[in-house]
N, C-alpha and C. Protein backbone atom coordinates (compact mmCIF):
# COMPACT_ATOMS: atom_id res chain seq x y z
N MET A 1 -28.11 0.83 22.77
CA MET A 1 -26.98 1.51 23.33
C MET A 1 -26.18 2.16 22.20
N SER A 2 -25.82 3.41 22.36
CA SER A 2 -25.09 4.11 21.35
C SER A 2 -23.58 4.04 21.59
N ASP A 3 -22.83 4.25 20.54
CA ASP A 3 -21.34 4.31 20.69
C ASP A 3 -20.96 5.66 21.30
N HIS A 4 -20.04 5.63 22.20
CA HIS A 4 -19.52 6.83 22.78
C HIS A 4 -18.05 6.95 22.43
N VAL A 5 -17.62 8.12 22.09
CA VAL A 5 -16.20 8.35 21.83
C VAL A 5 -15.76 9.58 22.51
N LEU A 6 -14.50 9.61 22.90
CA LEU A 6 -13.87 10.77 23.44
C LEU A 6 -12.79 11.19 22.48
N GLU A 7 -12.96 12.34 21.86
CA GLU A 7 -12.02 12.78 20.87
C GLU A 7 -11.13 13.89 21.37
N PHE A 8 -9.84 13.81 20.99
CA PHE A 8 -8.84 14.78 21.42
C PHE A 8 -8.19 15.40 20.18
N ALA A 9 -7.73 16.61 20.37
CA ALA A 9 -6.85 17.29 19.40
C ALA A 9 -5.52 17.51 20.11
N LEU A 10 -4.49 17.04 19.51
CA LEU A 10 -3.18 17.11 20.09
C LEU A 10 -2.29 18.00 19.19
N ALA A 11 -1.78 19.12 19.75
CA ALA A 11 -0.95 20.04 18.96
C ALA A 11 0.51 19.80 19.34
N SER A 12 1.34 19.72 18.29
CA SER A 12 2.75 19.38 18.53
C SER A 12 3.64 19.98 17.49
N HIS A 13 4.89 20.19 17.88
CA HIS A 13 5.97 20.56 16.91
C HIS A 13 6.68 19.29 16.45
N GLN A 14 6.41 18.15 17.06
CA GLN A 14 7.07 16.90 16.73
C GLN A 14 6.26 16.13 15.69
N VAL A 15 6.46 16.42 14.45
CA VAL A 15 5.61 15.87 13.39
C VAL A 15 5.74 14.34 13.28
N GLU A 16 6.97 13.82 13.29
CA GLU A 16 7.13 12.37 13.11
C GLU A 16 6.52 11.59 14.25
N ALA A 17 6.77 11.97 15.48
CA ALA A 17 6.19 11.26 16.65
C ALA A 17 4.68 11.38 16.69
N THR A 18 4.17 12.55 16.34
CA THR A 18 2.75 12.75 16.35
C THR A 18 2.08 11.97 15.23
N THR A 19 2.71 11.85 14.10
CA THR A 19 2.22 11.02 12.96
C THR A 19 2.15 9.59 13.40
N THR A 20 3.21 9.10 14.05
CA THR A 20 3.21 7.71 14.55
C THR A 20 2.05 7.46 15.51
N LEU A 21 1.84 8.41 16.43
CA LEU A 21 0.74 8.26 17.40
C LEU A 21 -0.60 8.24 16.67
N ALA A 22 -0.79 9.14 15.71
CA ALA A 22 -2.08 9.18 14.96
C ALA A 22 -2.27 7.88 14.19
N ARG A 23 -1.20 7.30 13.64
CA ARG A 23 -1.30 6.06 12.93
C ARG A 23 -1.67 4.93 13.88
N GLU A 24 -1.02 4.86 15.02
CA GLU A 24 -1.29 3.81 16.01
C GLU A 24 -2.72 3.86 16.54
N LEU A 25 -3.29 5.08 16.67
CA LEU A 25 -4.62 5.26 17.23
C LEU A 25 -5.71 5.36 16.11
N GLY A 26 -5.30 5.23 14.86
CA GLY A 26 -6.27 5.33 13.77
C GLY A 26 -6.92 6.71 13.65
N GLY A 27 -6.14 7.76 13.91
CA GLY A 27 -6.64 9.12 13.85
C GLY A 27 -6.31 9.80 12.53
N THR A 28 -6.45 11.14 12.55
CA THR A 28 -6.09 11.96 11.41
C THR A 28 -5.10 13.03 11.89
N ILE A 29 -4.09 13.27 11.07
CA ILE A 29 -3.11 14.29 11.38
C ILE A 29 -3.07 15.34 10.25
N TYR A 30 -3.02 16.57 10.68
CA TYR A 30 -2.89 17.71 9.77
C TYR A 30 -1.50 18.31 10.01
N THR A 31 -0.69 18.35 8.98
CA THR A 31 0.67 18.84 9.13
C THR A 31 0.95 20.01 8.17
N ASP A 32 1.70 20.97 8.73
CA ASP A 32 2.15 22.12 7.92
C ASP A 32 3.61 21.86 7.63
N HIS A 33 3.93 21.88 6.33
CA HIS A 33 5.27 21.49 5.89
C HIS A 33 6.12 22.69 5.44
N ARG A 34 5.86 23.85 5.97
CA ARG A 34 6.67 25.03 5.63
C ARG A 34 8.07 24.84 6.05
N ASP A 35 9.01 25.51 5.38
CA ASP A 35 10.44 25.40 5.63
C ASP A 35 10.82 25.82 7.08
N ASP A 36 10.16 26.85 7.59
CA ASP A 36 10.48 27.34 8.91
C ASP A 36 9.27 27.24 9.85
N PRO A 37 9.04 26.05 10.44
CA PRO A 37 7.86 25.88 11.29
C PRO A 37 8.02 26.55 12.66
N SER A 38 9.20 27.13 12.96
CA SER A 38 9.38 27.77 14.29
C SER A 38 8.45 28.98 14.48
N LYS A 39 7.95 29.55 13.40
CA LYS A 39 7.08 30.71 13.55
C LYS A 39 5.59 30.28 13.66
N LEU A 40 5.35 28.99 13.56
CA LEU A 40 3.96 28.49 13.67
C LEU A 40 3.65 28.15 15.10
N PRO A 41 2.37 28.19 15.46
CA PRO A 41 1.98 27.82 16.84
C PRO A 41 2.23 26.33 17.09
N PHE A 42 2.15 25.52 16.08
CA PHE A 42 2.48 24.11 16.09
C PHE A 42 2.65 23.64 14.64
N ALA A 43 3.24 22.49 14.43
CA ALA A 43 3.43 21.99 13.08
C ALA A 43 2.48 20.86 12.72
N ALA A 44 1.88 20.26 13.75
CA ALA A 44 0.95 19.12 13.45
C ALA A 44 -0.19 19.18 14.49
N LEU A 45 -1.38 18.84 13.99
CA LEU A 45 -2.54 18.71 14.86
C LEU A 45 -3.10 17.32 14.60
N ALA A 46 -3.07 16.42 15.57
CA ALA A 46 -3.61 15.09 15.45
C ALA A 46 -4.98 15.02 16.16
N CYS A 47 -5.94 14.48 15.46
CA CYS A 47 -7.27 14.23 16.05
C CYS A 47 -7.44 12.75 16.20
N VAL A 48 -7.57 12.33 17.48
CA VAL A 48 -7.61 10.91 17.78
C VAL A 48 -8.73 10.61 18.82
N VAL A 49 -9.20 9.41 18.76
CA VAL A 49 -10.13 8.89 19.75
C VAL A 49 -9.33 7.91 20.68
N SER A 50 -9.34 8.18 21.93
CA SER A 50 -8.58 7.39 22.88
C SER A 50 -9.13 7.55 24.30
N ASP A 51 -8.78 6.60 25.17
CA ASP A 51 -9.06 6.79 26.59
C ASP A 51 -7.75 6.81 27.36
N ASN A 52 -6.60 6.88 26.62
CA ASN A 52 -5.29 6.94 27.29
C ASN A 52 -4.77 8.35 27.29
N VAL A 53 -5.26 9.11 28.26
CA VAL A 53 -4.89 10.50 28.33
C VAL A 53 -3.40 10.69 28.65
N GLU A 54 -2.86 9.80 29.45
CA GLU A 54 -1.41 9.91 29.79
C GLU A 54 -0.53 9.83 28.55
N LEU A 55 -0.86 8.91 27.66
CA LEU A 55 -0.09 8.74 26.43
C LEU A 55 -0.19 10.04 25.59
N LEU A 56 -1.41 10.59 25.47
CA LEU A 56 -1.59 11.80 24.72
C LEU A 56 -0.87 12.96 25.33
N GLN A 57 -0.94 13.13 26.63
CA GLN A 57 -0.26 14.24 27.31
C GLN A 57 1.25 14.18 27.13
N ALA A 58 1.82 12.97 27.12
CA ALA A 58 3.24 12.82 26.94
C ALA A 58 3.68 13.29 25.56
N GLN A 59 2.82 13.11 24.55
CA GLN A 59 3.17 13.53 23.15
C GLN A 59 2.83 15.00 22.88
N ALA A 60 1.90 15.56 23.63
CA ALA A 60 1.42 16.92 23.31
C ALA A 60 2.39 17.96 23.84
N ASP A 61 3.44 18.29 23.07
CA ASP A 61 4.38 19.27 23.55
C ASP A 61 3.84 20.72 23.45
N VAL A 62 2.75 20.95 22.68
CA VAL A 62 2.14 22.27 22.60
C VAL A 62 0.85 22.33 23.34
N GLY A 63 -0.09 21.38 23.00
CA GLY A 63 -1.39 21.40 23.74
C GLY A 63 -2.17 20.15 23.51
N LEU A 64 -3.07 19.86 24.44
CA LEU A 64 -3.99 18.73 24.33
C LEU A 64 -5.38 19.19 24.73
N TYR A 65 -6.36 18.90 23.83
CA TYR A 65 -7.72 19.42 23.97
C TYR A 65 -8.74 18.34 23.78
N VAL A 66 -9.78 18.36 24.59
CA VAL A 66 -10.94 17.53 24.40
C VAL A 66 -11.82 18.32 23.44
N ILE A 67 -12.27 17.66 22.35
CA ILE A 67 -13.00 18.41 21.32
C ILE A 67 -14.32 17.77 20.99
N CYS A 68 -15.21 18.63 20.49
CA CYS A 68 -16.49 18.23 19.87
C CYS A 68 -16.30 18.54 18.37
N ARG A 69 -16.41 17.50 17.53
CA ARG A 69 -16.24 17.68 16.07
C ARG A 69 -17.57 18.04 15.45
N ARG A 70 -17.65 19.17 14.80
CA ARG A 70 -18.86 19.59 14.10
C ARG A 70 -18.58 19.67 12.59
N VAL A 71 -19.17 18.79 11.84
CA VAL A 71 -18.95 18.78 10.35
C VAL A 71 -19.99 19.74 9.82
N ILE A 72 -19.57 20.85 9.30
CA ILE A 72 -20.47 21.91 8.73
C ILE A 72 -20.72 21.63 7.27
N LYS A 73 -19.63 21.20 6.60
CA LYS A 73 -19.77 20.79 5.16
C LYS A 73 -18.99 19.49 4.98
N PRO A 74 -19.71 18.39 4.81
CA PRO A 74 -19.02 17.10 4.62
C PRO A 74 -18.33 17.13 3.25
N GLY A 75 -17.26 16.43 3.15
CA GLY A 75 -16.57 16.31 1.88
C GLY A 75 -15.10 15.89 2.13
N GLN A 76 -14.33 16.00 1.06
CA GLN A 76 -12.90 15.65 1.09
C GLN A 76 -12.10 16.90 0.74
N ALA A 77 -10.85 16.90 1.17
CA ALA A 77 -9.96 18.02 0.85
C ALA A 77 -8.53 17.50 0.84
N SER A 78 -7.73 18.13 0.03
CA SER A 78 -6.30 17.75 -0.03
C SER A 78 -5.42 18.74 0.75
N VAL A 79 -6.01 19.90 1.09
CA VAL A 79 -5.27 20.90 1.89
C VAL A 79 -6.23 21.69 2.69
N TYR A 80 -5.82 22.12 3.88
CA TYR A 80 -6.66 22.87 4.82
C TYR A 80 -6.03 24.12 5.25
N GLY A 81 -6.84 25.17 5.39
CA GLY A 81 -6.48 26.29 6.20
C GLY A 81 -6.94 25.94 7.61
N LEU A 82 -6.00 25.80 8.52
CA LEU A 82 -6.29 25.37 9.88
C LEU A 82 -6.11 26.63 10.79
N PHE A 83 -7.28 27.07 11.31
CA PHE A 83 -7.32 28.30 12.11
C PHE A 83 -7.61 28.04 13.55
N PRO A 84 -6.56 28.13 14.46
CA PRO A 84 -6.84 28.06 15.91
C PRO A 84 -7.58 29.37 16.28
N LEU A 85 -8.54 29.29 17.18
CA LEU A 85 -9.19 30.54 17.61
C LEU A 85 -9.32 30.62 19.09
N ILE A 86 -9.25 31.88 19.53
CA ILE A 86 -9.48 32.25 20.93
C ILE A 86 -10.70 33.15 20.93
N HIS A 87 -11.56 32.94 21.94
CA HIS A 87 -12.82 33.69 21.95
C HIS A 87 -12.57 35.20 22.10
N HIS A 88 -13.56 35.98 21.67
CA HIS A 88 -13.51 37.47 21.76
C HIS A 88 -13.44 37.80 23.27
N PRO A 89 -12.66 38.79 23.62
CA PRO A 89 -12.53 39.16 25.06
C PRO A 89 -13.82 39.61 25.69
N ASP A 90 -14.79 40.10 24.90
CA ASP A 90 -16.03 40.57 25.46
C ASP A 90 -17.10 39.48 25.51
N LYS A 91 -16.70 38.26 25.14
CA LYS A 91 -17.67 37.12 25.09
C LYS A 91 -17.06 35.95 25.91
N SER A 92 -17.96 35.14 26.42
CA SER A 92 -17.47 33.92 27.09
C SER A 92 -17.16 32.85 26.01
N HIS A 93 -16.54 31.79 26.44
CA HIS A 93 -16.29 30.70 25.52
C HIS A 93 -17.62 30.25 24.88
N THR A 94 -18.63 30.08 25.73
CA THR A 94 -19.92 29.57 25.23
C THR A 94 -20.57 30.52 24.23
N GLU A 95 -20.55 31.81 24.52
CA GLU A 95 -21.09 32.80 23.63
C GLU A 95 -20.40 32.79 22.27
N SER A 96 -19.08 32.77 22.35
CA SER A 96 -18.26 32.74 21.11
C SER A 96 -18.52 31.46 20.31
N ASP A 97 -18.54 30.36 21.00
CA ASP A 97 -18.74 29.04 20.36
C ASP A 97 -20.13 28.95 19.73
N THR A 98 -21.14 29.48 20.43
CA THR A 98 -22.50 29.45 19.89
C THR A 98 -22.60 30.25 18.60
N HIS A 99 -21.95 31.41 18.59
CA HIS A 99 -21.93 32.28 17.38
C HIS A 99 -21.19 31.53 16.28
N TRP A 100 -20.03 30.99 16.58
CA TRP A 100 -19.23 30.27 15.60
C TRP A 100 -20.05 29.13 14.93
N ARG A 101 -20.74 28.40 15.74
CA ARG A 101 -21.57 27.28 15.27
C ARG A 101 -22.80 27.77 14.49
N ASP A 102 -23.61 28.63 15.14
CA ASP A 102 -24.94 28.94 14.59
C ASP A 102 -24.97 30.05 13.56
N ALA A 103 -24.02 31.03 13.66
CA ALA A 103 -24.06 32.18 12.72
C ALA A 103 -22.90 32.07 11.72
N HIS A 104 -21.70 31.83 12.24
CA HIS A 104 -20.57 31.85 11.34
C HIS A 104 -20.53 30.63 10.39
N GLY A 105 -20.87 29.45 10.90
CA GLY A 105 -20.88 28.30 10.03
C GLY A 105 -21.68 28.49 8.75
N PRO A 106 -22.94 28.85 8.86
CA PRO A 106 -23.74 29.11 7.63
C PRO A 106 -23.18 30.25 6.78
N LEU A 107 -22.67 31.26 7.42
CA LEU A 107 -22.10 32.40 6.70
C LEU A 107 -20.85 31.96 5.91
N ALA A 108 -20.05 31.12 6.54
CA ALA A 108 -18.86 30.61 5.86
C ALA A 108 -19.20 29.84 4.60
N LEU A 109 -20.26 29.05 4.67
CA LEU A 109 -20.65 28.24 3.50
C LEU A 109 -21.02 29.18 2.32
N LYS A 110 -21.61 30.29 2.63
CA LYS A 110 -22.05 31.25 1.63
C LYS A 110 -20.82 32.03 0.99
N HIS A 111 -19.83 32.34 1.85
CA HIS A 111 -18.75 33.20 1.39
C HIS A 111 -17.46 32.47 1.11
N HIS A 112 -17.48 31.13 1.23
CA HIS A 112 -16.33 30.28 0.87
C HIS A 112 -16.84 29.15 0.02
N ILE A 113 -17.46 29.48 -1.14
CA ILE A 113 -18.10 28.41 -1.94
C ILE A 113 -17.15 27.39 -2.53
N HIS A 114 -15.86 27.74 -2.62
CA HIS A 114 -14.91 26.77 -3.17
C HIS A 114 -14.38 25.85 -2.08
N MET A 115 -14.76 26.07 -0.86
CA MET A 115 -14.34 25.19 0.23
C MET A 115 -15.05 23.86 0.02
N SER A 116 -14.27 22.77 0.02
CA SER A 116 -14.86 21.45 -0.22
C SER A 116 -15.19 20.70 1.03
N HIS A 117 -14.72 21.16 2.22
CA HIS A 117 -14.95 20.47 3.46
C HIS A 117 -14.75 21.51 4.54
N TYR A 118 -15.66 21.51 5.56
CA TYR A 118 -15.52 22.50 6.66
C TYR A 118 -15.93 21.79 7.95
N VAL A 119 -14.97 21.84 8.88
CA VAL A 119 -15.19 21.24 10.19
C VAL A 119 -14.79 22.21 11.30
N GLN A 120 -15.59 22.26 12.31
CA GLN A 120 -15.24 23.03 13.48
C GLN A 120 -14.87 22.08 14.61
N LEU A 121 -13.71 22.19 15.15
CA LEU A 121 -13.31 21.44 16.33
C LEU A 121 -13.45 22.33 17.55
N SER A 122 -14.56 22.22 18.21
CA SER A 122 -14.86 23.06 19.37
C SER A 122 -14.18 22.44 20.59
N VAL A 123 -13.36 23.24 21.27
CA VAL A 123 -12.65 22.74 22.46
C VAL A 123 -13.61 22.73 23.66
N VAL A 124 -13.76 21.54 24.23
CA VAL A 124 -14.62 21.36 25.39
C VAL A 124 -13.80 21.55 26.68
N ALA A 125 -12.53 21.13 26.63
CA ALA A 125 -11.65 21.27 27.81
C ALA A 125 -10.18 21.33 27.33
N THR A 126 -9.42 22.19 27.95
CA THR A 126 -7.97 22.24 27.71
C THR A 126 -7.30 21.43 28.78
N LEU A 127 -6.58 20.39 28.38
CA LEU A 127 -5.91 19.51 29.33
C LEU A 127 -4.42 19.91 29.49
N LYS A 128 -3.88 20.57 28.46
CA LYS A 128 -2.50 20.96 28.53
C LYS A 128 -2.29 22.03 27.43
N GLY A 129 -1.51 23.05 27.77
CA GLY A 129 -1.15 24.05 26.76
C GLY A 129 -1.98 25.31 26.86
N PRO A 130 -1.85 26.17 25.84
CA PRO A 130 -2.54 27.45 25.84
C PRO A 130 -4.06 27.24 25.66
N ASP A 131 -4.80 28.18 26.20
CA ASP A 131 -6.24 28.14 26.12
C ASP A 131 -6.61 28.46 24.66
N ILE A 132 -7.18 27.52 23.97
CA ILE A 132 -7.72 27.62 22.61
C ILE A 132 -9.20 27.26 22.70
N ASP A 133 -10.04 28.01 22.00
CA ASP A 133 -11.46 27.72 22.02
C ASP A 133 -11.90 26.82 20.84
N GLY A 134 -11.08 26.66 19.85
CA GLY A 134 -11.46 25.83 18.73
C GLY A 134 -10.42 25.88 17.63
N PHE A 135 -10.68 24.99 16.66
CA PHE A 135 -9.84 24.89 15.47
C PHE A 135 -10.77 24.77 14.27
N ALA A 136 -10.68 25.73 13.34
CA ALA A 136 -11.48 25.65 12.12
C ALA A 136 -10.63 24.92 11.04
N LEU A 137 -11.25 23.95 10.41
CA LEU A 137 -10.60 23.20 9.35
C LEU A 137 -11.32 23.55 8.06
N CYS A 138 -10.75 24.41 7.27
CA CYS A 138 -11.31 24.86 6.02
C CYS A 138 -10.64 24.16 4.91
N GLY A 139 -11.28 23.14 4.34
CA GLY A 139 -10.65 22.24 3.35
C GLY A 139 -10.93 22.68 1.92
N PHE A 140 -9.88 22.51 1.07
CA PHE A 140 -9.95 22.84 -0.35
C PHE A 140 -9.34 21.72 -1.18
N ASN A 141 -9.73 21.65 -2.42
CA ASN A 141 -9.26 20.58 -3.30
C ASN A 141 -7.79 20.81 -3.67
N THR A 142 -7.35 22.03 -3.80
CA THR A 142 -5.95 22.36 -4.17
C THR A 142 -5.43 23.48 -3.36
N LEU A 143 -4.11 23.59 -3.33
CA LEU A 143 -3.50 24.70 -2.61
C LEU A 143 -3.85 26.04 -3.30
N SER A 144 -3.88 26.04 -4.63
CA SER A 144 -4.24 27.28 -5.31
C SER A 144 -5.68 27.73 -5.02
N ASP A 145 -6.60 26.74 -4.86
CA ASP A 145 -7.93 27.11 -4.42
C ASP A 145 -7.93 27.77 -3.05
N LEU A 146 -7.16 27.22 -2.13
CA LEU A 146 -7.06 27.81 -0.80
C LEU A 146 -6.49 29.21 -0.83
N LYS A 147 -5.42 29.38 -1.61
CA LYS A 147 -4.77 30.71 -1.64
C LYS A 147 -5.46 31.72 -2.53
N GLU A 148 -6.08 31.25 -3.66
CA GLU A 148 -6.64 32.23 -4.58
C GLU A 148 -8.16 32.28 -4.65
N ARG A 149 -8.85 31.27 -4.08
CA ARG A 149 -10.28 31.20 -4.16
C ARG A 149 -10.92 31.01 -2.81
N PHE A 150 -10.24 31.46 -1.76
CA PHE A 150 -10.73 31.27 -0.37
C PHE A 150 -12.07 31.98 -0.18
N PHE A 151 -12.24 33.15 -0.76
CA PHE A 151 -13.46 33.93 -0.62
C PHE A 151 -14.24 33.92 -1.96
N THR A 152 -15.54 33.91 -1.81
CA THR A 152 -16.41 33.85 -2.98
C THR A 152 -16.30 35.12 -3.88
N THR A 153 -16.38 36.30 -3.19
CA THR A 153 -16.30 37.59 -3.88
C THR A 153 -15.40 38.54 -3.12
N PRO A 154 -15.04 39.62 -3.70
CA PRO A 154 -14.25 40.63 -2.93
C PRO A 154 -15.01 41.10 -1.71
N GLU A 155 -16.32 41.22 -1.80
CA GLU A 155 -17.18 41.64 -0.64
C GLU A 155 -17.11 40.62 0.48
N SER A 156 -16.93 39.33 0.11
CA SER A 156 -16.93 38.28 1.11
C SER A 156 -15.78 38.45 2.13
N VAL A 157 -14.67 39.04 1.71
CA VAL A 157 -13.54 39.23 2.57
C VAL A 157 -13.95 40.08 3.75
N ALA A 158 -14.57 41.22 3.52
CA ALA A 158 -14.98 42.15 4.59
C ALA A 158 -16.02 41.52 5.45
N ILE A 159 -17.00 40.83 4.85
CA ILE A 159 -18.09 40.20 5.60
C ILE A 159 -17.60 39.13 6.57
N ILE A 160 -16.73 38.31 6.10
CA ILE A 160 -16.18 37.21 6.95
C ILE A 160 -15.23 37.79 8.03
N ARG A 161 -14.40 38.73 7.66
CA ARG A 161 -13.48 39.33 8.68
C ARG A 161 -14.30 40.01 9.77
N LYS A 162 -15.31 40.75 9.39
CA LYS A 162 -16.14 41.41 10.41
C LYS A 162 -16.83 40.41 11.33
N ASP A 163 -17.36 39.33 10.75
CA ASP A 163 -18.02 38.34 11.53
C ASP A 163 -17.03 37.62 12.49
N VAL A 164 -15.89 37.24 11.98
CA VAL A 164 -14.88 36.56 12.80
C VAL A 164 -14.46 37.49 13.94
N ALA A 165 -14.30 38.75 13.67
CA ALA A 165 -13.91 39.72 14.76
C ALA A 165 -14.98 39.90 15.77
N SER A 166 -16.20 39.51 15.50
CA SER A 166 -17.27 39.64 16.48
C SER A 166 -17.32 38.50 17.50
N PHE A 167 -16.66 37.36 17.19
CA PHE A 167 -16.66 36.25 18.14
C PHE A 167 -15.29 35.70 18.49
N ALA A 168 -14.27 36.13 17.75
CA ALA A 168 -12.90 35.65 18.00
C ALA A 168 -11.96 36.81 18.31
N ASP A 169 -10.94 36.54 19.08
CA ASP A 169 -9.90 37.53 19.37
C ASP A 169 -8.87 37.42 18.23
N THR A 170 -9.08 38.25 17.22
CA THR A 170 -8.24 38.15 16.03
C THR A 170 -6.80 38.57 16.24
N ASN A 171 -6.57 39.38 17.30
CA ASN A 171 -5.17 39.76 17.60
C ASN A 171 -4.41 38.71 18.33
N ASN A 172 -5.07 37.88 19.14
CA ASN A 172 -4.38 36.90 19.96
C ASN A 172 -4.61 35.46 19.52
N SER A 173 -5.48 35.22 18.56
CA SER A 173 -5.63 33.84 18.03
C SER A 173 -4.33 33.47 17.29
N PRO A 174 -3.86 32.25 17.49
CA PRO A 174 -2.61 31.82 16.82
C PRO A 174 -2.68 31.90 15.32
N ARG A 175 -1.54 31.96 14.71
CA ARG A 175 -1.40 32.00 13.26
C ARG A 175 -2.00 30.80 12.59
N ARG A 176 -2.52 31.03 11.39
CA ARG A 176 -3.13 29.97 10.56
C ARG A 176 -2.03 29.00 10.05
N LEU A 177 -2.41 27.74 9.98
CA LEU A 177 -1.54 26.73 9.35
C LEU A 177 -2.11 26.41 7.97
N ILE A 178 -1.22 26.01 7.07
CA ILE A 178 -1.66 25.41 5.79
C ILE A 178 -1.27 23.94 5.91
N ALA A 179 -2.28 23.09 6.08
CA ALA A 179 -2.02 21.74 6.48
C ALA A 179 -2.52 20.70 5.47
N THR A 180 -1.74 19.65 5.33
CA THR A 180 -2.21 18.54 4.57
C THR A 180 -2.63 17.39 5.50
N PRO A 181 -3.73 16.75 5.18
CA PRO A 181 -4.26 15.71 6.09
C PRO A 181 -3.73 14.32 5.73
N THR A 182 -3.62 13.47 6.76
CA THR A 182 -3.43 12.04 6.55
C THR A 182 -4.39 11.35 7.52
N ASP A 183 -5.33 10.61 6.92
CA ASP A 183 -6.38 9.94 7.73
C ASP A 183 -6.00 8.45 7.85
N PHE A 184 -5.60 8.08 9.04
CA PHE A 184 -5.17 6.72 9.30
C PHE A 184 -6.37 5.80 9.67
N SER A 185 -7.55 6.41 9.86
CA SER A 185 -8.76 5.59 10.11
C SER A 185 -9.16 4.78 8.87
N LEU A 186 -8.64 5.17 7.72
CA LEU A 186 -9.01 4.51 6.49
C LEU A 186 -8.03 3.35 6.14
N SER A 187 -6.95 3.26 6.91
CA SER A 187 -5.97 2.20 6.62
C SER A 187 -6.24 0.92 7.32
């Protein structure tokens, strides 16, 4: 018999309460600590395994999503570019997600060589909040690596932007977060 888990991503503006929930459930929280979080789509994203949907819905003031975690590049990171994505209007969720997984994932590894960890959180179902198709977690060892060495070469910028525009709605996908992780599963 294999282990089965149901993983959720919970988006919230309530950093303290969401951190407490992630701690209690042994999850991971990604928080953006900018001075003015009001311009962000959310300030914290908690990834937790639970079967208590009511508890999660009560905390999710922005959104609650059932996710499939795809580790594209295993590793550790101290800071993440966290990119919520909405599928391209000319593609279905499945078409967009398939391209993201099968084409963009390998392309990202080639054009973001300083990325130390890369995970795709593919949304399987939206339980609450805006329709989001996924969350890309692009991890780096330092904030300067994220800001200054995100792309491998100047040509990589155009290649990645063109590819992302082929499967994601770049005009309507929420703004990127710069997030630091806290993994409570290790405590």
